[in-house]
Protein backbone atom coordinates (compact mmCIF):
# COMPACT_ATOMS: atom_id res chain seq x y z
CA MET A 1 61.27 -241.30 -207.86
CA GLU A 2 60.18 -243.94 -204.62
CA LYS A 3 62.68 -245.09 -202.68
CA LYS A 4 61.85 -249.12 -201.70
CA ALA A 5 64.73 -250.29 -198.88
CA THR A 6 67.60 -249.03 -200.41
CA TRP A 7 70.28 -247.96 -197.30
CA GLU A 8 69.14 -252.15 -195.73
CA LEU A 9 69.98 -253.46 -199.04
CA PHE A 10 73.23 -252.07 -199.27
CA LEU A 11 74.30 -253.06 -195.75
CA MET A 12 72.79 -256.49 -196.49
CA ALA A 13 75.73 -255.82 -199.35
CA ILE A 14 78.12 -254.99 -197.72
CA GLY A 15 77.78 -258.03 -194.79
CA PHE A 16 77.79 -260.59 -197.46
CA LEU A 17 81.08 -259.15 -198.72
CA PHE A 18 82.63 -259.86 -195.14
CA ILE A 19 81.29 -262.92 -195.32
CA VAL A 20 83.44 -263.85 -198.63
CA SER A 21 86.67 -261.58 -198.39
CA SER A 22 86.70 -263.35 -194.67
CA GLN A 23 88.20 -266.28 -196.01
CA GLN A 24 91.65 -264.41 -196.50
CA MET A 25 91.88 -262.84 -193.66
CA ALA A 26 94.33 -264.85 -191.33
CA ASN A 27 90.86 -265.52 -188.67
CA PRO A 28 88.29 -265.83 -191.11
CA MET A 29 85.46 -266.12 -188.57
CA ILE A 30 85.30 -262.78 -186.76
CA MET A 31 84.84 -261.39 -190.29
CA ILE A 32 82.21 -264.03 -190.82
CA ILE A 33 80.27 -263.21 -187.67
CA GLY A 34 80.38 -260.17 -188.46
CA GLY A 35 79.57 -259.85 -191.99
CA LEU A 36 76.44 -262.25 -190.41
CA MET A 37 76.04 -259.33 -187.58
CA ILE A 38 75.18 -257.11 -189.97
CA VAL A 39 73.11 -258.83 -192.44
CA LEU A 40 70.47 -259.65 -188.80
CA VAL A 41 70.69 -255.97 -188.00
CA SER A 42 69.74 -255.06 -192.29
CA VAL A 43 67.37 -258.07 -191.91
CA ILE A 44 65.29 -256.42 -188.97
CA LEU A 45 65.71 -253.06 -190.47
CA LEU A 46 64.05 -254.01 -194.16
CA LYS A 47 60.77 -256.03 -191.44
CA LYS A 48 60.51 -253.06 -189.94
CA SER A 49 60.17 -250.65 -192.93
CA ALA A 50 58.30 -252.80 -194.96
CA LYS A 51 55.84 -252.79 -191.29
CA LYS A 52 56.41 -249.06 -191.46
CA GLU A 53 55.45 -249.17 -195.01
CA ARG A 54 52.02 -251.23 -194.48
CA ARG A 55 50.47 -248.81 -191.73
CA ARG A 56 50.86 -246.42 -194.21
CA ASN A 57 48.73 -248.00 -197.23
CA GLY A 58 46.27 -249.04 -194.30
CA LYS A 59 47.12 -252.79 -196.17
CA TRP A 60 47.91 -254.16 -191.79
């Protein structure tokens, strides 16, 4: 079975969970910024792994 971006999607889901649950906190802006940073890191990792995969397959 081939794994395709499982950790990146997991990190993205955690970031979105932080953003959604931030409304229940006393200071939601900290949670929103933290969630956005986690999502940003996961998108960067996703793009990096896709680039590596394209190079490996010779499609770039």
